Amino acid sequence: MLLARGTSEPGFPKYGVIVGDPIVSNVSAELSGVQGYPVQYPASSQIISGGRQGVDDIVQRLTAQSSACPNQTFSLVGYSQGASIMHRAADRLPTSLFPKIKSVVMFGDPNLRLGVVGDKFPNGLKAKVLQICAKGDPVCDSGSCQFYHLTYIRPEYIEGAVTFIARAFKGMTL
């Protein structure tokens, strides 16, 4: 699982405190052999330069891992700025990798609100996407209170994502 954390979110314990770490630990409890990978980028307010670094890391990691381990499959998880980076990386991925990506889970995706990009992913990934946006989250919904953007650690969001990811890896219909 490749996990891209949100703006200013600490990368500790390892993948991001709000979404990443809870997702990895819960999916690992559900499925054996799960490994997480924290996308390497600063997750700072310097979105342009940090975003490029994150996009490059995702593309390079998926390409390298796919070559090194041809039977390995992946899940992409992005939170806030990390979701934006996943969109941009998906546009740059070779389509030959799409069958290896089992699920794409976005939390608080700013692209939902921007309207320009929308929640669009390339055709080979669209059916594998789960968008999680808390009602009132000003980043992905029409709210104005930042509190809602920080609630994705709540069980109703994490459990839904874990179930979606586990079903995808088990080959169940999404």
N, C-alpha and C. Protein backbone atom coordinates (compact mmCIF):
# COMPACT_ATOMS: atom_id res chain seq x y z
N MET A 1 0.84 -1.17 0.00
CA MET A 1 0.00 0.00 0.00
C MET A 1 0.89 1.23 0.00
N LEU A 2 0.63 2.13 -0.94
CA LEU A 2 1.33 3.41 -0.96
C LEU A 2 0.42 4.44 -0.32
N LEU A 3 0.95 5.16 0.67
CA LEU A 3 0.15 6.12 1.41
C LEU A 3 0.78 7.50 1.35
N ALA A 4 -0.02 8.47 0.93
CA ALA A 4 0.43 9.86 0.87
C ALA A 4 -0.34 10.67 1.89
N ARG A 5 0.37 11.21 2.87
CA ARG A 5 -0.28 11.92 3.97
C ARG A 5 -0.69 13.34 3.55
N GLY A 6 -1.43 13.98 4.42
CA GLY A 6 -1.94 15.32 4.15
C GLY A 6 -0.95 16.43 4.50
N THR A 7 -1.28 17.64 4.09
CA THR A 7 -0.45 18.81 4.34
C THR A 7 -0.16 18.97 5.82
N SER A 8 1.10 19.13 6.15
CA SER A 8 1.59 19.34 7.51
C SER A 8 1.32 18.18 8.45
N GLU A 9 0.83 17.07 7.93
CA GLU A 9 0.59 15.91 8.79
C GLU A 9 1.92 15.23 9.08
N PRO A 10 2.19 14.97 10.34
CA PRO A 10 3.45 14.31 10.66
C PRO A 10 3.48 12.90 10.07
N GLY A 11 4.64 12.48 9.67
CA GLY A 11 4.81 11.14 9.11
C GLY A 11 5.13 10.12 10.18
N PHE A 12 4.68 10.36 11.40
CA PHE A 12 4.92 9.38 12.45
C PHE A 12 3.59 8.85 12.93
N PRO A 13 3.51 7.68 13.44
CA PRO A 13 4.64 6.79 13.58
C PRO A 13 5.34 6.48 12.24
N LYS A 14 4.60 6.34 11.15
CA LYS A 14 5.29 6.08 9.90
C LYS A 14 4.56 6.60 8.67
N TYR A 15 3.26 6.42 8.59
CA TYR A 15 2.52 6.70 7.35
C TYR A 15 1.62 7.93 7.42
N GLY A 16 1.48 8.51 8.59
CA GLY A 16 0.58 9.64 8.80
C GLY A 16 -0.41 9.30 9.88
N VAL A 17 -0.53 10.15 10.85
CA VAL A 17 -1.29 9.85 12.05
C VAL A 17 -2.81 9.79 11.82
N ILE A 18 -3.35 10.57 10.91
CA ILE A 18 -4.80 10.64 10.76
C ILE A 18 -5.35 9.49 9.91
N VAL A 19 -4.72 9.18 8.79
CA VAL A 19 -5.22 8.14 7.89
C VAL A 19 -4.24 6.99 7.72
N GLY A 20 -3.00 7.30 7.40
CA GLY A 20 -2.03 6.28 7.01
C GLY A 20 -1.79 5.17 8.00
N ASP A 21 -1.39 5.53 9.22
CA ASP A 21 -1.10 4.50 10.22
C ASP A 21 -2.33 3.67 10.58
N PRO A 22 -3.51 4.29 10.79
CA PRO A 22 -4.68 3.45 11.07
C PRO A 22 -5.04 2.52 9.91
N ILE A 23 -4.88 2.98 8.68
CA ILE A 23 -5.21 2.12 7.54
C ILE A 23 -4.25 0.94 7.47
N VAL A 24 -2.95 1.19 7.55
CA VAL A 24 -1.98 0.10 7.45
C VAL A 24 -2.18 -0.91 8.57
N SER A 25 -2.34 -0.45 9.80
CA SER A 25 -2.49 -1.41 10.91
C SER A 25 -3.78 -2.21 10.80
N ASN A 26 -4.87 -1.58 10.38
CA ASN A 26 -6.14 -2.31 10.26
C ASN A 26 -6.18 -3.24 9.05
N VAL A 27 -5.62 -2.83 7.93
CA VAL A 27 -5.58 -3.73 6.76
C VAL A 27 -4.64 -4.89 7.06
N SER A 28 -3.53 -4.64 7.75
CA SER A 28 -2.59 -5.70 8.11
C SER A 28 -3.25 -6.74 9.02
N ALA A 29 -4.16 -6.31 9.87
CA ALA A 29 -4.87 -7.24 10.74
C ALA A 29 -5.87 -8.08 9.94
N GLU A 30 -6.33 -7.55 8.83
CA GLU A 30 -7.32 -8.21 7.99
C GLU A 30 -6.69 -9.14 6.95
N LEU A 31 -5.55 -8.74 6.41
CA LEU A 31 -4.88 -9.48 5.34
C LEU A 31 -3.42 -9.75 5.72
N SER A 32 -2.94 -10.94 5.44
CA SER A 32 -1.53 -11.21 5.72
C SER A 32 -0.66 -10.71 4.57
N GLY A 33 0.58 -10.37 4.89
CA GLY A 33 1.54 -9.96 3.88
C GLY A 33 1.43 -8.52 3.41
N VAL A 34 0.61 -7.72 4.07
CA VAL A 34 0.45 -6.33 3.66
C VAL A 34 1.67 -5.53 4.11
N GLN A 35 2.17 -4.71 3.21
CA GLN A 35 3.26 -3.81 3.54
C GLN A 35 2.86 -2.40 3.13
N GLY A 36 3.20 -1.46 3.95
CA GLY A 36 2.94 -0.06 3.64
C GLY A 36 4.19 0.61 3.12
N TYR A 37 3.97 1.67 2.37
CA TYR A 37 5.07 2.50 1.89
C TYR A 37 4.64 3.95 2.01
N PRO A 38 5.36 4.75 2.83
CA PRO A 38 5.02 6.16 2.95
C PRO A 38 5.59 6.93 1.76
N VAL A 39 4.72 7.56 0.99
CA VAL A 39 5.18 8.36 -0.15
C VAL A 39 6.14 9.42 0.37
N GLN A 40 7.27 9.52 -0.29
CA GLN A 40 8.33 10.43 0.14
C GLN A 40 8.11 11.82 -0.47
N TYR A 41 7.59 12.70 0.34
CA TYR A 41 7.44 14.10 -0.05
C TYR A 41 7.22 14.90 1.22
N PRO A 42 7.52 16.20 1.18
CA PRO A 42 7.48 16.97 2.43
C PRO A 42 6.09 17.22 3.02
N ALA A 43 5.02 17.04 2.26
CA ALA A 43 3.66 17.30 2.76
C ALA A 43 3.56 18.69 3.38
N SER A 44 4.20 19.63 2.76
CA SER A 44 4.20 21.00 3.29
C SER A 44 3.24 21.87 2.51
N SER A 45 3.14 23.11 2.92
CA SER A 45 2.29 24.04 2.19
C SER A 45 2.92 24.45 0.86
N GLN A 46 4.15 24.04 0.62
CA GLN A 46 4.81 24.28 -0.67
C GLN A 46 4.34 23.20 -1.65
N ILE A 47 3.08 23.23 -1.99
CA ILE A 47 2.43 22.16 -2.74
C ILE A 47 3.09 21.92 -4.09
N ILE A 48 3.53 22.95 -4.78
CA ILE A 48 4.09 22.78 -6.13
C ILE A 48 5.33 21.90 -6.09
N SER A 49 6.36 22.28 -5.35
CA SER A 49 7.60 21.52 -5.35
C SER A 49 7.43 20.20 -4.61
N GLY A 50 6.77 20.20 -3.47
CA GLY A 50 6.55 18.97 -2.73
C GLY A 50 5.67 18.00 -3.48
N GLY A 51 4.67 18.55 -4.18
CA GLY A 51 3.78 17.70 -4.97
C GLY A 51 4.51 16.98 -6.07
N ARG A 52 5.39 17.67 -6.75
CA ARG A 52 6.19 17.03 -7.81
C ARG A 52 7.01 15.89 -7.25
N GLN A 53 7.61 16.13 -6.11
CA GLN A 53 8.44 15.10 -5.47
C GLN A 53 7.59 13.88 -5.13
N GLY A 54 6.40 14.09 -4.60
CA GLY A 54 5.51 12.98 -4.26
C GLY A 54 5.05 12.22 -5.48
N VAL A 55 4.67 12.93 -6.54
CA VAL A 55 4.24 12.28 -7.78
C VAL A 55 5.37 11.42 -8.34
N ASP A 56 6.57 12.00 -8.40
CA ASP A 56 7.72 11.24 -8.90
C ASP A 56 7.97 10.00 -8.07
N ASP A 57 7.85 10.12 -6.75
CA ASP A 57 8.10 8.98 -5.87
C ASP A 57 7.08 7.86 -6.11
N ILE A 58 5.82 8.22 -6.25
CA ILE A 58 4.77 7.22 -6.50
C ILE A 58 5.03 6.49 -7.81
N VAL A 59 5.28 7.23 -8.86
CA VAL A 59 5.51 6.62 -10.18
C VAL A 59 6.75 5.73 -10.14
N GLN A 60 7.83 6.23 -9.56
CA GLN A 60 9.05 5.44 -9.49
C GLN A 60 8.88 4.20 -8.63
N ARG A 61 8.22 4.33 -7.50
CA ARG A 61 8.03 3.19 -6.60
C ARG A 61 7.18 2.10 -7.24
N LEU A 62 6.05 2.48 -7.83
CA LEU A 62 5.19 1.49 -8.47
C LEU A 62 5.88 0.81 -9.64
N THR A 63 6.59 1.57 -10.44
CA THR A 63 7.29 1.02 -11.60
C THR A 63 8.39 0.06 -11.15
N ALA A 64 9.20 0.49 -10.19
CA ALA A 64 10.31 -0.35 -9.70
C ALA A 64 9.80 -1.61 -9.01
N GLN A 65 8.82 -1.47 -8.13
CA GLN A 65 8.28 -2.64 -7.43
C GLN A 65 7.62 -3.62 -8.39
N SER A 66 6.95 -3.09 -9.38
CA SER A 66 6.29 -3.95 -10.36
C SER A 66 7.31 -4.76 -11.16
N SER A 67 8.43 -4.14 -11.49
CA SER A 67 9.49 -4.84 -12.21
C SER A 67 10.18 -5.86 -11.31
N ALA A 68 10.47 -5.47 -10.08
CA ALA A 68 11.18 -6.36 -9.15
C ALA A 68 10.31 -7.53 -8.69
N CYS A 69 9.02 -7.29 -8.53
CA CYS A 69 8.08 -8.30 -8.03
C CYS A 69 6.86 -8.31 -8.94
N PRO A 70 6.92 -9.00 -10.07
CA PRO A 70 5.85 -8.94 -11.07
C PRO A 70 4.46 -9.35 -10.57
N ASN A 71 4.38 -10.12 -9.50
CA ASN A 71 3.07 -10.56 -9.00
C ASN A 71 2.54 -9.68 -7.87
N GLN A 72 3.29 -8.67 -7.49
CA GLN A 72 2.86 -7.79 -6.41
C GLN A 72 1.71 -6.92 -6.87
N THR A 73 0.75 -6.70 -5.96
CA THR A 73 -0.37 -5.81 -6.24
C THR A 73 -0.35 -4.66 -5.24
N PHE A 74 -1.11 -3.62 -5.54
CA PHE A 74 -0.99 -2.37 -4.80
C PHE A 74 -2.35 -1.77 -4.45
N SER A 75 -2.32 -0.93 -3.42
CA SER A 75 -3.44 -0.07 -3.08
C SER A 75 -2.85 1.32 -2.92
N LEU A 76 -3.54 2.32 -3.42
CA LEU A 76 -3.11 3.71 -3.30
C LEU A 76 -4.04 4.41 -2.33
N VAL A 77 -3.47 5.08 -1.33
CA VAL A 77 -4.27 5.79 -0.33
C VAL A 77 -3.72 7.21 -0.22
N GLY A 78 -4.59 8.19 -0.37
CA GLY A 78 -4.18 9.57 -0.25
C GLY A 78 -5.12 10.35 0.64
N TYR A 79 -4.54 11.23 1.44
CA TYR A 79 -5.32 12.08 2.33
C TYR A 79 -4.99 13.54 2.03
N SER A 80 -6.00 14.33 1.69
CA SER A 80 -5.87 15.76 1.46
C SER A 80 -4.87 16.04 0.34
N GLN A 81 -3.77 16.70 0.62
CA GLN A 81 -2.77 16.95 -0.41
C GLN A 81 -2.28 15.63 -1.00
N GLY A 82 -2.21 14.60 -0.18
CA GLY A 82 -1.80 13.28 -0.66
C GLY A 82 -2.77 12.73 -1.70
N ALA A 83 -4.05 13.07 -1.58
CA ALA A 83 -5.03 12.65 -2.59
C ALA A 83 -4.76 13.36 -3.92
N SER A 84 -4.46 14.64 -3.84
CA SER A 84 -4.13 15.39 -5.07
C SER A 84 -2.91 14.79 -5.76
N ILE A 85 -1.94 14.41 -4.96
CA ILE A 85 -0.72 13.81 -5.52
C ILE A 85 -1.04 12.48 -6.17
N MET A 86 -1.92 11.70 -5.58
CA MET A 86 -2.30 10.41 -6.18
C MET A 86 -2.97 10.64 -7.54
N HIS A 87 -3.81 11.64 -7.65
CA HIS A 87 -4.43 11.96 -8.95
C HIS A 87 -3.36 12.23 -9.99
N ARG A 88 -2.43 13.09 -9.65
CA ARG A 88 -1.39 13.48 -10.61
C ARG A 88 -0.49 12.30 -10.96
N ALA A 89 -0.19 11.45 -9.98
CA ALA A 89 0.64 10.28 -10.26
C ALA A 89 -0.11 9.29 -11.15
N ALA A 90 -1.39 9.09 -10.89
CA ALA A 90 -2.18 8.15 -11.70
C ALA A 90 -2.17 8.54 -13.17
N ASP A 91 -2.17 9.83 -13.43
CA ASP A 91 -2.13 10.31 -14.82
C ASP A 91 -0.80 9.99 -15.49
N ARG A 92 0.23 9.77 -14.72
CA ARG A 92 1.56 9.49 -15.27
C ARG A 92 1.94 8.02 -15.27
N LEU A 93 1.13 7.19 -14.65
CA LEU A 93 1.46 5.76 -14.57
C LEU A 93 1.24 5.07 -15.91
N PRO A 94 2.12 4.13 -16.24
CA PRO A 94 1.87 3.32 -17.43
C PRO A 94 0.57 2.52 -17.23
N THR A 95 -0.25 2.44 -18.24
CA THR A 95 -1.52 1.71 -18.12
C THR A 95 -1.30 0.23 -17.83
N SER A 96 -0.13 -0.28 -18.13
CA SER A 96 0.17 -1.68 -17.84
C SER A 96 0.17 -1.95 -16.32
N LEU A 97 0.30 -0.91 -15.50
CA LEU A 97 0.27 -1.08 -14.04
C LEU A 97 -1.15 -1.09 -13.49
N PHE A 98 -2.12 -0.59 -14.22
CA PHE A 98 -3.49 -0.47 -13.71
C PHE A 98 -4.07 -1.78 -13.17
N PRO A 99 -3.88 -2.93 -13.86
CA PRO A 99 -4.42 -4.18 -13.30
C PRO A 99 -3.79 -4.56 -11.96
N LYS A 100 -2.59 -4.08 -11.68
CA LYS A 100 -1.92 -4.41 -10.42
C LYS A 100 -2.39 -3.53 -9.27
N ILE A 101 -3.06 -2.44 -9.58
CA ILE A 101 -3.59 -1.55 -8.55
C ILE A 101 -5.00 -2.04 -8.23
N LYS A 102 -5.15 -2.58 -7.03
CA LYS A 102 -6.41 -3.20 -6.63
C LYS A 102 -7.43 -2.20 -6.10
N SER A 103 -6.95 -1.13 -5.47
CA SER A 103 -7.87 -0.13 -4.93
C SER A 103 -7.18 1.22 -4.82
N VAL A 104 -8.01 2.26 -4.87
CA VAL A 104 -7.56 3.64 -4.73
C VAL A 104 -8.53 4.29 -3.74
N VAL A 105 -8.01 4.73 -2.60
CA VAL A 105 -8.87 5.30 -1.56
C VAL A 105 -8.40 6.71 -1.24
N MET A 106 -9.31 7.66 -1.42
CA MET A 106 -8.99 9.06 -1.20
C MET A 106 -9.82 9.60 -0.03
N PHE A 107 -9.15 10.27 0.89
CA PHE A 107 -9.78 10.90 2.04
C PHE A 107 -9.65 12.42 1.89
N GLY A 108 -10.75 13.14 2.03
CA GLY A 108 -10.70 14.60 2.00
C GLY A 108 -10.01 15.13 0.75
N ASP A 109 -10.40 14.60 -0.38
CA ASP A 109 -9.76 14.90 -1.67
C ASP A 109 -10.15 16.30 -2.15
N PRO A 110 -9.18 17.22 -2.23
CA PRO A 110 -9.51 18.57 -2.68
C PRO A 110 -10.01 18.62 -4.12
N ASN A 111 -9.71 17.61 -4.90
CA ASN A 111 -10.16 17.59 -6.29
C ASN A 111 -11.68 17.48 -6.39
N LEU A 112 -12.33 16.97 -5.37
CA LEU A 112 -13.80 16.90 -5.38
C LEU A 112 -14.40 18.30 -5.37
N ARG A 113 -13.76 19.21 -4.70
CA ARG A 113 -14.29 20.56 -4.56
C ARG A 113 -13.83 21.49 -5.67
N LEU A 114 -12.66 21.24 -6.20
CA LEU A 114 -12.10 22.13 -7.22
C LEU A 114 -12.93 22.17 -8.49
N GLY A 115 -13.56 21.06 -8.84
CA GLY A 115 -14.40 21.04 -10.02
C GLY A 115 -13.65 20.95 -11.33
N VAL A 116 -12.45 21.48 -11.38
CA VAL A 116 -11.68 21.45 -12.63
C VAL A 116 -11.26 20.02 -12.94
N VAL A 117 -10.69 19.35 -11.95
CA VAL A 117 -10.23 17.98 -12.12
C VAL A 117 -11.33 17.01 -11.71
N GLY A 118 -12.12 17.39 -10.75
CA GLY A 118 -13.14 16.50 -10.23
C GLY A 118 -12.51 15.31 -9.56
N ASP A 119 -13.24 14.23 -9.44
CA ASP A 119 -12.67 13.04 -8.81
C ASP A 119 -12.22 12.04 -9.86
N LYS A 120 -11.88 12.53 -11.01
CA LYS A 120 -11.54 11.66 -12.13
C LYS A 120 -10.17 11.03 -11.98
N PHE A 121 -10.14 9.76 -12.25
CA PHE A 121 -8.91 9.00 -12.38
C PHE A 121 -8.93 8.40 -13.77
N PRO A 122 -7.80 7.94 -14.29
CA PRO A 122 -7.81 7.32 -15.61
C PRO A 122 -8.80 6.16 -15.68
N ASN A 123 -9.31 5.89 -16.86
CA ASN A 123 -10.34 4.86 -17.05
C ASN A 123 -10.01 3.52 -16.41
N GLY A 124 -8.78 3.08 -16.46
CA GLY A 124 -8.42 1.79 -15.89
C GLY A 124 -8.46 1.74 -14.38
N LEU A 125 -8.63 2.89 -13.73
CA LEU A 125 -8.67 2.94 -12.27
C LEU A 125 -10.01 3.39 -11.70
N LYS A 126 -10.85 4.02 -12.51
CA LYS A 126 -12.10 4.62 -12.01
C LYS A 126 -12.95 3.67 -11.18
N ALA A 127 -13.08 2.44 -11.60
CA ALA A 127 -13.94 1.49 -10.88
C ALA A 127 -13.33 1.03 -9.57
N LYS A 128 -12.08 1.37 -9.32
CA LYS A 128 -11.36 0.94 -8.12
C LYS A 128 -11.27 2.03 -7.06
N VAL A 129 -11.95 3.16 -7.29
CA VAL A 129 -11.81 4.34 -6.43
C VAL A 129 -12.92 4.40 -5.38
N LEU A 130 -12.50 4.68 -4.15
CA LEU A 130 -13.43 5.00 -3.06
C LEU A 130 -13.08 6.41 -2.60
N GLN A 131 -14.03 7.32 -2.69
CA GLN A 131 -13.86 8.69 -2.21
C GLN A 131 -14.54 8.81 -0.85
N ILE A 132 -13.79 9.25 0.14
CA ILE A 132 -14.34 9.46 1.47
C ILE A 132 -14.22 10.95 1.79
N CYS A 133 -15.38 11.60 1.92
CA CYS A 133 -15.40 13.04 2.20
C CYS A 133 -16.41 13.27 3.33
N ALA A 134 -15.90 13.75 4.45
CA ALA A 134 -16.77 14.03 5.60
C ALA A 134 -17.69 15.20 5.29
N LYS A 135 -18.95 15.05 5.64
CA LYS A 135 -19.90 16.15 5.46
C LYS A 135 -19.38 17.37 6.22
N GLY A 136 -19.31 18.49 5.51
CA GLY A 136 -18.84 19.73 6.12
C GLY A 136 -17.35 19.97 5.98
N ASP A 137 -16.62 19.01 5.42
CA ASP A 137 -15.17 19.19 5.22
C ASP A 137 -14.95 20.27 4.17
N PRO A 138 -14.32 21.38 4.52
CA PRO A 138 -14.14 22.47 3.55
C PRO A 138 -13.17 22.14 2.42
N VAL A 139 -12.41 21.07 2.55
CA VAL A 139 -11.45 20.70 1.51
C VAL A 139 -12.14 19.94 0.37
N CYS A 140 -13.12 19.09 0.71
CA CYS A 140 -13.77 18.29 -0.33
C CYS A 140 -15.28 18.53 -0.42
N ASP A 141 -15.86 19.20 0.55
CA ASP A 141 -17.29 19.46 0.59
C ASP A 141 -17.50 20.97 0.68
N SER A 142 -18.67 21.40 1.03
CA SER A 142 -18.96 22.83 1.04
C SER A 142 -18.91 23.46 2.42
N GLY A 143 -18.29 22.79 3.38
CA GLY A 143 -18.23 23.32 4.73
C GLY A 143 -17.22 24.44 4.90
N SER A 144 -17.17 24.98 6.10
CA SER A 144 -16.21 26.05 6.38
C SER A 144 -15.41 25.80 7.66
N CYS A 145 -15.65 24.67 8.31
CA CYS A 145 -14.96 24.37 9.56
C CYS A 145 -13.89 23.30 9.32
N GLN A 146 -12.65 23.65 9.55
CA GLN A 146 -11.52 22.75 9.30
C GLN A 146 -11.58 21.49 10.16
N PHE A 147 -12.30 21.53 11.26
CA PHE A 147 -12.43 20.38 12.15
C PHE A 147 -12.81 19.12 11.37
N TYR A 148 -13.75 19.23 10.45
CA TYR A 148 -14.25 18.05 9.74
C TYR A 148 -13.18 17.41 8.86
N HIS A 149 -12.20 18.18 8.44
CA HIS A 149 -11.11 17.64 7.61
C HIS A 149 -10.15 16.79 8.45
N LEU A 150 -10.25 16.90 9.75
CA LEU A 150 -9.36 16.16 10.64
C LEU A 150 -10.04 14.96 11.30
N THR A 151 -11.24 14.61 10.84
CA THR A 151 -12.01 13.53 11.49
C THR A 151 -11.87 12.16 10.83
N TYR A 152 -11.02 12.04 9.84
CA TYR A 152 -10.94 10.78 9.09
C TYR A 152 -10.36 9.62 9.89
N ILE A 153 -9.82 9.90 11.06
CA ILE A 153 -9.31 8.85 11.94
C ILE A 153 -10.47 8.10 12.62
N ARG A 154 -11.66 8.65 12.53
CA ARG A 154 -12.83 8.03 13.17
C ARG A 154 -13.14 6.67 12.56
N PRO A 155 -13.60 5.73 13.38
CA PRO A 155 -13.84 4.36 12.91
C PRO A 155 -14.74 4.24 11.68
N GLU A 156 -15.77 5.07 11.57
CA GLU A 156 -16.66 4.91 10.42
C GLU A 156 -15.95 5.18 9.10
N TYR A 157 -14.92 6.01 9.11
CA TYR A 157 -14.16 6.27 7.89
C TYR A 157 -13.08 5.22 7.67
N ILE A 158 -12.34 4.90 8.72
CA ILE A 158 -11.25 3.92 8.60
C ILE A 158 -11.81 2.53 8.28
N GLU A 159 -12.85 2.11 8.99
CA GLU A 159 -13.41 0.77 8.77
C GLU A 159 -13.97 0.61 7.36
N GLY A 160 -14.61 1.64 6.84
CA GLY A 160 -15.13 1.56 5.47
C GLY A 160 -14.01 1.42 4.45
N ALA A 161 -12.94 2.16 4.67
CA ALA A 161 -11.79 2.07 3.76
C ALA A 161 -11.11 0.71 3.86
N VAL A 162 -10.95 0.20 5.08
CA VAL A 162 -10.30 -1.10 5.28
C VAL A 162 -11.12 -2.20 4.60
N THR A 163 -12.42 -2.16 4.76
CA THR A 163 -13.29 -3.15 4.12
C THR A 163 -13.15 -3.08 2.60
N PHE A 164 -13.15 -1.88 2.05
CA PHE A 164 -13.01 -1.67 0.61
C PHE A 164 -11.68 -2.24 0.11
N ILE A 165 -10.60 -1.93 0.80
CA ILE A 165 -9.27 -2.40 0.40
C ILE A 165 -9.19 -3.92 0.51
N ALA A 166 -9.64 -4.47 1.62
CA ALA A 166 -9.58 -5.92 1.82
C ALA A 166 -10.40 -6.66 0.76
N ARG A 167 -11.57 -6.17 0.45
CA ARG A 167 -12.40 -6.80 -0.59
C ARG A 167 -11.68 -6.77 -1.94
N ALA A 168 -11.01 -5.68 -2.23
CA ALA A 168 -10.29 -5.56 -3.51
C ALA A 168 -9.17 -6.59 -3.59
N PHE A 169 -8.42 -6.75 -2.52
CA PHE A 169 -7.32 -7.72 -2.52
C PHE A 169 -7.81 -9.16 -2.52
N LYS A 170 -8.99 -9.39 -1.99
CA LYS A 170 -9.57 -10.73 -1.98
C LYS A 170 -10.28 -11.05 -3.30
N GLY A 171 -10.29 -10.06 -4.21
CA GLY A 171 -10.92 -10.28 -5.50
C GLY A 171 -12.43 -10.18 -5.49
N MET A 172 -12.97 -9.56 -4.47
CA MET A 172 -14.42 -9.41 -4.36
C MET A 172 -14.84 -8.17 -5.13
N THR A 173 -16.05 -8.14 -5.59
CA THR A 173 -16.58 -7.00 -6.31
C THR A 173 -16.59 -5.78 -5.42
N LEU A 174 -16.13 -4.66 -5.97
CA LEU A 174 -16.10 -3.42 -5.19
C LEU A 174 -17.42 -2.69 -5.30
